[in-house]
PDB file of all heavy atoms in Angstrom:
ATOM      1  N   ALA A   1     -29.163  15.737 -18.035  1.00  0.00           N
ATOM      2  CA  ALA A   1     -30.042  16.072 -19.161  1.00  0.00           C
ATOM      3  C   ALA A   1     -29.482  15.536 -20.467  1.00  0.00           C
ATOM      4  O   ALA A   1     -28.274  15.307 -20.594  1.00  0.00           O
ATOM      5  CB  ALA A   1     -30.228  17.588 -19.259  1.00  0.00           C
ATOM      6  N   SER A   2     -30.372  15.366 -21.440  1.00  0.00           N
ATOM      7  CA  SER A   2     -29.953  14.897 -22.761  1.00  0.00           C
ATOM      8  C   SER A   2     -28.991  15.868 -23.422  1.00  0.00           C
ATOM      9  O   SER A   2     -28.088  15.457 -24.163  1.00  0.00           O
ATOM     10  CB  SER A   2     -31.170  14.695 -23.670  1.00  0.00           C
ATOM     11  OG  SER A   2     -31.956  13.612 -23.241  1.00  0.00           O
ATOM     12  N   GLU A   3     -29.200  17.172 -23.181  1.00  0.00           N
ATOM     13  CA  GLU A   3     -28.367  18.172 -23.843  1.00  0.00           C
ATOM     14  C   GLU A   3     -27.821  19.181 -22.846  1.00  0.00           C
ATOM     15  O   GLU A   3     -28.489  19.517 -21.854  1.00  0.00           O
ATOM     16  CB  GLU A   3     -29.167  18.907 -24.924  1.00  0.00           C
ATOM     17  CG  GLU A   3     -29.577  18.024 -26.083  1.00  0.00           C
ATOM     18  CD  GLU A   3     -30.151  18.828 -27.240  1.00  0.00           C
ATOM     19  OE1 GLU A   3     -29.705  19.980 -27.459  1.00  0.00           O
ATOM     20  OE2 GLU A   3     -31.048  18.309 -27.920  1.00  0.00           O
ATOM     21  N   THR A   4     -26.633  19.690 -23.136  1.00  0.00           N
ATOM     22  CA  THR A   4     -26.021  20.686 -22.257  1.00  0.00           C
ATOM     23  C   THR A   4     -26.800  21.993 -22.264  1.00  0.00           C
ATOM     24  O   THR A   4     -26.727  22.755 -21.304  1.00  0.00           O
ATOM     25  CB  THR A   4     -24.562  20.959 -22.672  1.00  0.00           C
ATOM     26  OG1 THR A   4     -24.534  21.495 -24.012  1.00  0.00           O
ATOM     27  CG2 THR A   4     -23.734  19.673 -22.637  1.00  0.00           C
ATOM     28  N   TYR A   5     -27.550  22.253 -23.338  1.00  0.00           N
ATOM     29  CA  TYR A   5     -28.359  23.473 -23.386  1.00  0.00           C
ATOM     30  C   TYR A   5     -29.353  23.505 -22.234  1.00  0.00           C
ATOM     31  O   TYR A   5     -29.592  24.552 -21.626  1.00  0.00           O
ATOM     32  CB  TYR A   5     -29.096  23.564 -24.720  1.00  0.00           C
ATOM     33  CG  TYR A   5     -29.960  24.804 -24.863  1.00  0.00           C
ATOM     34  CD1 TYR A   5     -29.404  26.009 -25.281  1.00  0.00           C
ATOM     35  CD2 TYR A   5     -31.321  24.762 -24.578  1.00  0.00           C
ATOM     36  CE1 TYR A   5     -30.190  27.156 -25.410  1.00  0.00           C
ATOM     37  CE2 TYR A   5     -32.115  25.890 -24.704  1.00  0.00           C
ATOM     38  CZ  TYR A   5     -31.543  27.081 -25.117  1.00  0.00           C
ATOM     39  OH  TYR A   5     -32.327  28.206 -25.230  1.00  0.00           O
ATOM     40  N   ALA A   6     -29.953  22.349 -21.921  1.00  0.00           N
ATOM     41  CA  ALA A   6     -30.903  22.274 -20.803  1.00  0.00           C
ATOM     42  C   ALA A   6     -30.194  22.562 -19.485  1.00  0.00           C
ATOM     43  O   ALA A   6     -30.748  23.235 -18.606  1.00  0.00           O
ATOM     44  CB  ALA A   6     -31.562  20.904 -20.770  1.00  0.00           C
ATOM     45  N   LEU A   7     -28.975  22.059 -19.324  1.00  0.00           N
ATOM     46  CA  LEU A   7     -28.197  22.362 -18.113  1.00  0.00           C
ATOM     47  C   LEU A   7     -27.951  23.859 -18.005  1.00  0.00           C
ATOM     48  O   LEU A   7     -28.052  24.447 -16.923  1.00  0.00           O
ATOM     49  CB  LEU A   7     -26.872  21.603 -18.127  1.00  0.00           C
ATOM     50  CG  LEU A   7     -26.941  20.073 -18.142  1.00  0.00           C
ATOM     51  CD1 LEU A   7     -25.537  19.492 -18.194  1.00  0.00           C
ATOM     52  CD2 LEU A   7     -27.698  19.540 -16.935  1.00  0.00           C
ATOM     53  N   ASP A   8     -27.622  24.483 -19.127  1.00  0.00           N
ATOM     54  CA  ASP A   8     -27.375  25.934 -19.132  1.00  0.00           C
ATOM     55  C   ASP A   8     -28.610  26.697 -18.665  1.00  0.00           C
ATOM     56  O   ASP A   8     -28.504  27.656 -17.894  1.00  0.00           O
ATOM     57  CB  ASP A   8     -26.993  26.405 -20.540  1.00  0.00           C
ATOM     58  CG  ASP A   8     -25.671  25.845 -21.025  1.00  0.00           C
ATOM     59  OD1 ASP A   8     -24.858  25.432 -20.170  1.00  0.00           O
ATOM     60  OD2 ASP A   8     -25.456  25.820 -22.247  1.00  0.00           O
ATOM     61  N   GLN A   9     -29.784  26.282 -19.124  1.00  0.00           N
ATOM     62  CA  GLN A   9     -31.012  27.014 -18.827  1.00  0.00           C
ATOM     63  C   GLN A   9     -31.421  26.916 -17.363  1.00  0.00           C
ATOM     64  O   GLN A   9     -32.098  27.815 -16.848  1.00  0.00           O
ATOM     65  CB  GLN A   9     -32.154  26.523 -19.722  1.00  0.00           C
ATOM     66  CG  GLN A   9     -31.921  26.781 -21.205  1.00  0.00           C
ATOM     67  CD  GLN A   9     -31.560  28.231 -21.496  1.00  0.00           C
ATOM     68  OE1 GLN A   9     -32.359  29.133 -21.229  1.00  0.00           O
ATOM     69  NE2 GLN A   9     -30.371  28.475 -22.014  1.00  0.00           N
ATOM     70  N   ILE A  10     -31.012  25.858 -16.696  1.00  0.00           N
ATOM     71  CA  ILE A  10     -31.341  25.751 -15.270  1.00  0.00           C
ATOM     72  C   ILE A  10     -30.190  26.225 -14.390  1.00  0.00           C
ATOM     73  O   ILE A  10     -30.254  26.123 -13.160  1.00  0.00           O
ATOM     74  CB  ILE A  10     -31.755  24.314 -14.883  1.00  0.00           C
ATOM     75  CG1 ILE A  10     -30.603  23.329 -15.098  1.00  0.00           C
ATOM     76  CG2 ILE A  10     -32.980  23.897 -15.676  1.00  0.00           C
ATOM     77  CD1 ILE A  10     -30.967  21.895 -14.712  1.00  0.00           C
ATOM     78  N   GLY A  11     -29.146  26.749 -15.018  1.00  0.00           N
ATOM     79  CA  GLY A  11     -28.039  27.324 -14.265  1.00  0.00           C
ATOM     80  C   GLY A  11     -27.054  26.315 -13.724  1.00  0.00           C
ATOM     81  O   GLY A  11     -26.293  26.614 -12.791  1.00  0.00           O
ATOM     82  N   ALA A  12     -27.043  25.099 -14.279  1.00  0.00           N
ATOM     83  CA  ALA A  12     -26.113  24.067 -13.829  1.00  0.00           C
ATOM     84  C   ALA A  12     -24.808  24.158 -14.611  1.00  0.00           C
ATOM     85  O   ALA A  12     -24.807  24.388 -15.819  1.00  0.00           O
ATOM     86  CB  ALA A  12     -26.727  22.679 -14.007  1.00  0.00           C
ATOM     87  N   LYS A  13     -23.700  23.985 -13.921  1.00  0.00           N
ATOM     88  CA  LYS A  13     -22.384  23.986 -14.555  1.00  0.00           C
ATOM     89  C   LYS A  13     -22.091  22.601 -15.120  1.00  0.00           C
ATOM     90  O   LYS A  13     -22.109  21.593 -14.406  1.00  0.00           O
ATOM     91  CB  LYS A  13     -21.301  24.367 -13.548  1.00  0.00           C
ATOM     92  CG  LYS A  13     -19.896  24.392 -14.141  1.00  0.00           C
ATOM     93  CD  LYS A  13     -18.860  24.740 -13.088  1.00  0.00           C
ATOM     94  CE  LYS A  13     -17.450  24.724 -13.687  1.00  0.00           C
ATOM     95  NZ  LYS A  13     -16.424  25.017 -12.657  1.00  0.00           N
ATOM     96  N   TYR A  14     -21.828  22.549 -16.400  1.00  0.00           N
ATOM     97  CA  TYR A  14     -21.526  21.272 -17.050  1.00  0.00           C
ATOM     98  C   TYR A  14     -20.271  20.649 -16.434  1.00  0.00           C
ATOM     99  O   TYR A  14     -19.232  21.296 -16.305  1.00  0.00           O
ATOM    100  CB  TYR A  14     -21.326  21.486 -18.548  1.00  0.00           C
ATOM    101  CG  TYR A  14     -20.729  20.309 -19.277  1.00  0.00           C
ATOM    102  CD1 TYR A  14     -21.499  19.187 -19.563  1.00  0.00           C
ATOM    103  CD2 TYR A  14     -19.395  20.322 -19.676  1.00  0.00           C
ATOM    104  CE1 TYR A  14     -20.959  18.103 -20.228  1.00  0.00           C
ATOM    105  CE2 TYR A  14     -18.840  19.245 -20.345  1.00  0.00           C
ATOM    106  CZ  TYR A  14     -19.625  18.128 -20.620  1.00  0.00           C
ATOM    107  OH  TYR A  14     -19.080  17.049 -21.281  1.00  0.00           O
ATOM    108  N   LEU A  15     -20.388  19.388 -16.056  1.00  0.00           N
ATOM    109  CA  LEU A  15     -19.250  18.659 -15.498  1.00  0.00           C
ATOM    110  C   LEU A  15     -18.657  17.670 -16.491  1.00  0.00           C
ATOM    111  O   LEU A  15     -17.452  17.640 -16.717  1.00  0.00           O
ATOM    112  CB  LEU A  15     -19.676  17.904 -14.230  1.00  0.00           C
ATOM    113  CG  LEU A  15     -20.118  18.739 -13.031  1.00  0.00           C
ATOM    114  CD1 LEU A  15     -20.521  17.821 -11.874  1.00  0.00           C
ATOM    115  CD2 LEU A  15     -19.006  19.687 -12.591  1.00  0.00           C
ATOM    116  N   ASP A  16     -19.519  16.850 -17.086  1.00  0.00           N
ATOM    117  CA  ASP A  16     -19.031  15.786 -17.957  1.00  0.00           C
ATOM    118  C   ASP A  16     -20.221  15.118 -18.619  1.00  0.00           C
ATOM    119  O   ASP A  16     -21.374  15.318 -18.215  1.00  0.00           O
ATOM    120  CB  ASP A  16     -18.247  14.757 -17.133  1.00  0.00           C
ATOM    121  CG  ASP A  16     -17.331  13.874 -17.974  1.00  0.00           C
ATOM    122  OD1 ASP A  16     -17.271  14.082 -19.204  1.00  0.00           O
ATOM    123  OD2 ASP A  16     -16.690  12.967 -17.400  1.00  0.00           O
ATOM    124  N   ASP A  17     -19.951  14.291 -19.611  1.00  0.00           N
ATOM    125  CA  ASP A  17     -20.971  13.422 -20.182  1.00  0.00           C
ATOM    126  C   ASP A  17     -20.976  12.099 -19.430  1.00  0.00           C
ATOM    127  O   ASP A  17     -19.938  11.651 -18.930  1.00  0.00           O
ATOM    128  CB  ASP A  17     -20.691  13.144 -21.661  1.00  0.00           C
ATOM    129  CG  ASP A  17     -20.794  14.390 -22.520  1.00  0.00           C
ATOM    130  OD1 ASP A  17     -21.540  15.309 -22.145  1.00  0.00           O
ATOM    131  OD2 ASP A  17     -20.114  14.437 -23.562  1.00  0.00           O
ATOM    132  N   VAL A  18     -22.126  11.482 -19.334  1.00  0.00           N
ATOM    133  CA  VAL A  18     -22.162  10.091 -18.923  1.00  0.00           C
ATOM    134  C   VAL A  18     -21.462   9.308 -20.032  1.00  0.00           C
ATOM    135  O   VAL A  18     -21.799   9.445 -21.204  1.00  0.00           O
ATOM    136  CB  VAL A  18     -23.604   9.597 -18.727  1.00  0.00           C
ATOM    137  CG1 VAL A  18     -23.631   8.114 -18.362  1.00  0.00           C
ATOM    138  CG2 VAL A  18     -24.310  10.425 -17.656  1.00  0.00           C
ATOM    139  N   LYS A  19     -20.478   8.503 -19.669  1.00  0.00           N
ATOM    140  CA  LYS A  19     -19.685   7.796 -20.665  1.00  0.00           C
ATOM    141  C   LYS A  19     -20.459   6.608 -21.229  1.00  0.00           C
ATOM    142  O   LYS A  19     -21.335   6.041 -20.562  1.00  0.00           O
ATOM    143  CB  LYS A  19     -18.379   7.302 -20.051  1.00  0.00           C
ATOM    144  CG  LYS A  19     -17.544   8.377 -19.383  1.00  0.00           C
ATOM    145  CD  LYS A  19     -17.139   9.475 -20.349  1.00  0.00           C
ATOM    146  CE  LYS A  19     -16.219  10.497 -19.668  1.00  0.00           C
ATOM    147  NZ  LYS A  19     -15.944  11.653 -20.560  1.00  0.00           N
ATOM    148  N   PRO A  20     -20.145   6.195 -22.443  1.00  0.00           N
ATOM    149  CA  PRO A  20     -20.757   4.967 -22.960  1.00  0.00           C
ATOM    150  C   PRO A  20     -20.506   3.795 -22.017  1.00  0.00           C
ATOM    151  O   PRO A  20     -19.377   3.565 -21.577  1.00  0.00           O
ATOM    152  CB  PRO A  20     -20.033   4.764 -24.299  1.00  0.00           C
ATOM    153  CG  PRO A  20     -19.617   6.137 -24.718  1.00  0.00           C
ATOM    154  CD  PRO A  20     -19.274   6.851 -23.443  1.00  0.00           C
ATOM    155  N   GLY A  21     -21.582   3.093 -21.659  1.00  0.00           N
ATOM    156  CA  GLY A  21     -21.467   1.964 -20.757  1.00  0.00           C
ATOM    157  C   GLY A  21     -21.375   2.317 -19.286  1.00  0.00           C
ATOM    158  O   GLY A  21     -21.121   1.447 -18.452  1.00  0.00           O
ATOM    159  N   GLU A  22     -21.616   3.581 -18.937  1.00  0.00           N
ATOM    160  CA  GLU A  22     -21.444   4.038 -17.563  1.00  0.00           C
ATOM    161  C   GLU A  22     -22.790   4.255 -16.869  1.00  0.00           C
ATOM    162  O   GLU A  22     -23.770   4.641 -17.501  1.00  0.00           O
ATOM    163  CB  GLU A  22     -20.666   5.348 -17.541  1.00  0.00           C
ATOM    164  CG  GLU A  22     -20.363   5.865 -16.134  1.00  0.00           C
ATOM    165  CD  GLU A  22     -19.623   7.198 -16.126  1.00  0.00           C
ATOM    166  OE1 GLU A  22     -19.943   8.062 -16.968  1.00  0.00           O
ATOM    167  OE2 GLU A  22     -18.727   7.368 -15.286  1.00  0.00           O
ATOM    168  N   MET A  23     -22.811   4.025 -15.550  1.00  0.00           N
ATOM    169  CA  MET A  23     -23.938   4.360 -14.700  1.00  0.00           C
ATOM    170  C   MET A  23     -23.502   5.419 -13.695  1.00  0.00           C
ATOM    171  O   MET A  23     -22.407   5.345 -13.133  1.00  0.00           O
ATOM    172  CB  MET A  23     -24.440   3.124 -13.945  1.00  0.00           C
ATOM    173  CG  MET A  23     -25.616   3.401 -13.019  1.00  0.00           C
ATOM    174  SD  MET A  23     -26.329   1.891 -12.269  1.00  0.00           S
ATOM    175  CE  MET A  23     -25.095   1.544 -11.005  1.00  0.00           C
ATOM    176  N   VAL A  24     -24.356   6.415 -13.481  1.00  0.00           N
ATOM    177  CA  VAL A  24     -24.067   7.510 -12.556  1.00  0.00           C
ATOM    178  C   VAL A  24     -25.175   7.556 -11.509  1.00  0.00           C
ATOM    179  O   VAL A  24     -26.361   7.524 -11.854  1.00  0.00           O
ATOM    180  CB  VAL A  24     -23.994   8.857 -13.306  1.00  0.00           C
ATOM    181  CG1 VAL A  24     -23.849  10.004 -12.332  1.00  0.00           C
ATOM    182  CG2 VAL A  24     -22.840   8.854 -14.302  1.00  0.00           C
ATOM    183  N   ILE A  25     -24.785   7.617 -10.253  1.00  0.00           N
ATOM    184  CA  ILE A  25     -25.736   7.712  -9.148  1.00  0.00           C
ATOM    185  C   ILE A  25     -25.524   9.054  -8.459  1.00  0.00           C
ATOM    186  O   ILE A  25     -24.412   9.358  -8.016  1.00  0.00           O
ATOM    187  CB  ILE A  25     -25.541   6.570  -8.134  1.00  0.00           C
ATOM    188  CG1 ILE A  25     -25.653   5.215  -8.835  1.00  0.00           C
ATOM    189  CG2 ILE A  25     -26.564   6.678  -6.998  1.00  0.00           C
ATOM    190  CD1 ILE A  25     -25.258   4.044  -7.955  1.00  0.00           C
ATOM    191  N   ALA A  26     -26.584   9.863  -8.376  1.00  0.00           N
ATOM    192  CA  ALA A  26     -26.471  11.199  -7.803  1.00  0.00           C
ATOM    193  C   ALA A  26     -27.396  11.353  -6.610  1.00  0.00           C
ATOM    194  O   ALA A  26     -28.585  11.035  -6.680  1.00  0.00           O
ATOM    195  CB  ALA A  26     -26.803  12.265  -8.856  1.00  0.00           C
ATOM    196  N   THR A  27     -26.828  11.816  -5.503  1.00  0.00           N
ATOM    197  CA  THR A  27     -27.602  12.365  -4.408  1.00  0.00           C
ATOM    198  C   THR A  27     -27.299  13.860  -4.392  1.00  0.00           C
ATOM    199  O   THR A  27     -26.494  14.348  -5.186  1.00  0.00           O
ATOM    200  CB  THR A  27     -27.222  11.720  -3.062  1.00  0.00           C
ATOM    201  OG1 THR A  27     -25.850  12.031  -2.765  1.00  0.00           O
ATOM    202  CG2 THR A  27     -27.394  10.209  -3.119  1.00  0.00           C
ATOM    203  N   ALA A  28     -27.922  14.591  -3.489  1.00  0.00           N
ATOM    204  CA  ALA A  28     -27.680  16.036  -3.460  1.00  0.00           C
ATOM    205  C   ALA A  28     -26.236  16.359  -3.110  1.00  0.00           C
ATOM    206  O   ALA A  28     -25.714  17.413  -3.492  1.00  0.00           O
ATOM    207  CB  ALA A  28     -28.628  16.705  -2.465  1.00  0.00           C
ATOM    208  N   ASP A  29     -25.556  15.442  -2.414  1.00  0.00           N
ATOM    209  CA  ASP A  29     -24.202  15.707  -1.933  1.00  0.00           C
ATOM    210  C   ASP A  29     -23.112  14.955  -2.677  1.00  0.00           C
ATOM    211  O   ASP A  29     -21.932  15.290  -2.546  1.00  0.00           O
ATOM    212  CB  ASP A  29     -24.085  15.343  -0.444  1.00  0.00           C
ATOM    213  CG  ASP A  29     -24.965  16.203   0.435  1.00  0.00           C
ATOM    214  OD1 ASP A  29     -24.838  17.428   0.354  1.00  0.00           O
ATOM    215  OD2 ASP A  29     -25.791  15.639   1.178  1.00  0.00           O
ATOM    216  N   GLN A  30     -23.482  13.955  -3.449  1.00  0.00           N
ATOM    217  CA  GLN A  30     -22.452  13.060  -3.967  1.00  0.00           C
ATOM    218  C   GLN A  30     -22.806  12.531  -5.349  1.00  0.00           C
ATOM    219  O   GLN A  30     -23.981  12.315  -5.667  1.00  0.00           O
ATOM    220  CB  GLN A  30     -22.261  11.883  -2.998  1.00  0.00           C
ATOM    221  CG  GLN A  30     -21.086  10.995  -3.315  1.00  0.00           C
ATOM    222  CD  GLN A  30     -20.929   9.877  -2.292  1.00  0.00           C
ATOM    223  OE1 GLN A  30     -21.901   9.457  -1.660  1.00  0.00           O
ATOM    224  NE2 GLN A  30     -19.713   9.386  -2.117  1.00  0.00           N
ATOM    225  N   LEU A  31     -21.765  12.318  -6.141  1.00  0.00           N
ATOM    226  CA  LEU A  31     -21.904  11.723  -7.463  1.00  0.00           C
ATOM    227  C   LEU A  31     -20.998  10.497  -7.521  1.00  0.00           C
ATOM    228  O   LEU A  31     -19.789  10.601  -7.324  1.00  0.00           O
ATOM    229  CB  LEU A  31     -21.507  12.728  -8.542  1.00  0.00           C
ATOM    230  CG  LEU A  31     -21.867  12.399  -9.991  1.00  0.00           C
ATOM    231  CD1 LEU A  31     -23.374  12.493 -10.203  1.00  0.00           C
ATOM    232  CD2 LEU A  31     -21.149  13.350 -10.949  1.00  0.00           C
ATOM    233  N   VAL A  32     -21.599   9.338  -7.765  1.00  0.00           N
ATOM    234  CA  VAL A  32     -20.847   8.087  -7.858  1.00  0.00           C
ATOM    235  C   VAL A  32     -20.954   7.570  -9.286  1.00  0.00           C
ATOM    236  O   VAL A  32     -22.054   7.497  -9.847  1.00  0.00           O
ATOM    237  CB  VAL A  32     -21.400   7.036  -6.873  1.00  0.00           C
ATOM    238  CG1 VAL A  32     -20.651   5.714  -7.031  1.00  0.00           C
ATOM    239  CG2 VAL A  32     -21.284   7.543  -5.436  1.00  0.00           C
ATOM    240  N   ARG A  33     -19.815   7.208  -9.861  1.00  0.00           N
ATOM    241  CA  ARG A  33     -19.788   6.764 -11.248  1.00  0.00           C
ATOM    242  C   ARG A  33     -19.244   5.335 -11.319  1.00  0.00           C
ATOM    243  O   ARG A  33     -18.273   5.007 -10.652  1.00  0.00           O
ATOM    244  CB  ARG A  33     -18.943   7.717 -12.095  1.00  0.00           C
ATOM    245  CG  ARG A  33     -19.342   9.164 -11.921  1.00  0.00           C
ATOM    246  CD  ARG A  33     -18.528  10.116 -12.758  1.00  0.00           C
ATOM    247  NE  ARG A  33     -18.796   9.969 -14.179  1.00  0.00           N
ATOM    248  CZ  ARG A  33     -18.426  10.856 -15.106  1.00  0.00           C
ATOM    249  NH1 ARG A  33     -17.772  11.948 -14.745  1.00  0.00           N
ATOM    250  NH2 ARG A  33     -18.698  10.664 -16.372  1.00  0.00           N
ATOM    251  N   LYS A  34     -19.872   4.505 -12.149  1.00  0.00           N
ATOM    252  CA  LYS A  34     -19.453   3.114 -12.279  1.00  0.00           C
ATOM    253  C   LYS A  34     -19.524   2.686 -13.734  1.00  0.00           C
ATOM    254  O   LYS A  34     -20.569   2.828 -14.379  1.00  0.00           O
ATOM    255  CB  LYS A  34     -20.351   2.211 -11.414  1.00  0.00           C
ATOM    256  CG  LYS A  34     -19.941   0.742 -11.438  1.00  0.00           C
ATOM    257  CD  LYS A  34     -20.797  -0.085 -10.491  1.00  0.00           C
ATOM    258  CE  LYS A  34     -20.354  -1.537 -10.477  1.00  0.00           C
ATOM    259  NZ  LYS A  34     -21.169  -2.355  -9.536  1.00  0.00           N
TER     260      LYS A  34
END
């Protein structure tokens, strides 16, 4: 989400920000960062 507030409202635990220049691929079981 654009903001951590939205993560809070859906009950998701904040992990990290997508870094500048980074791509993140998420499946239900895995998070891959490049």
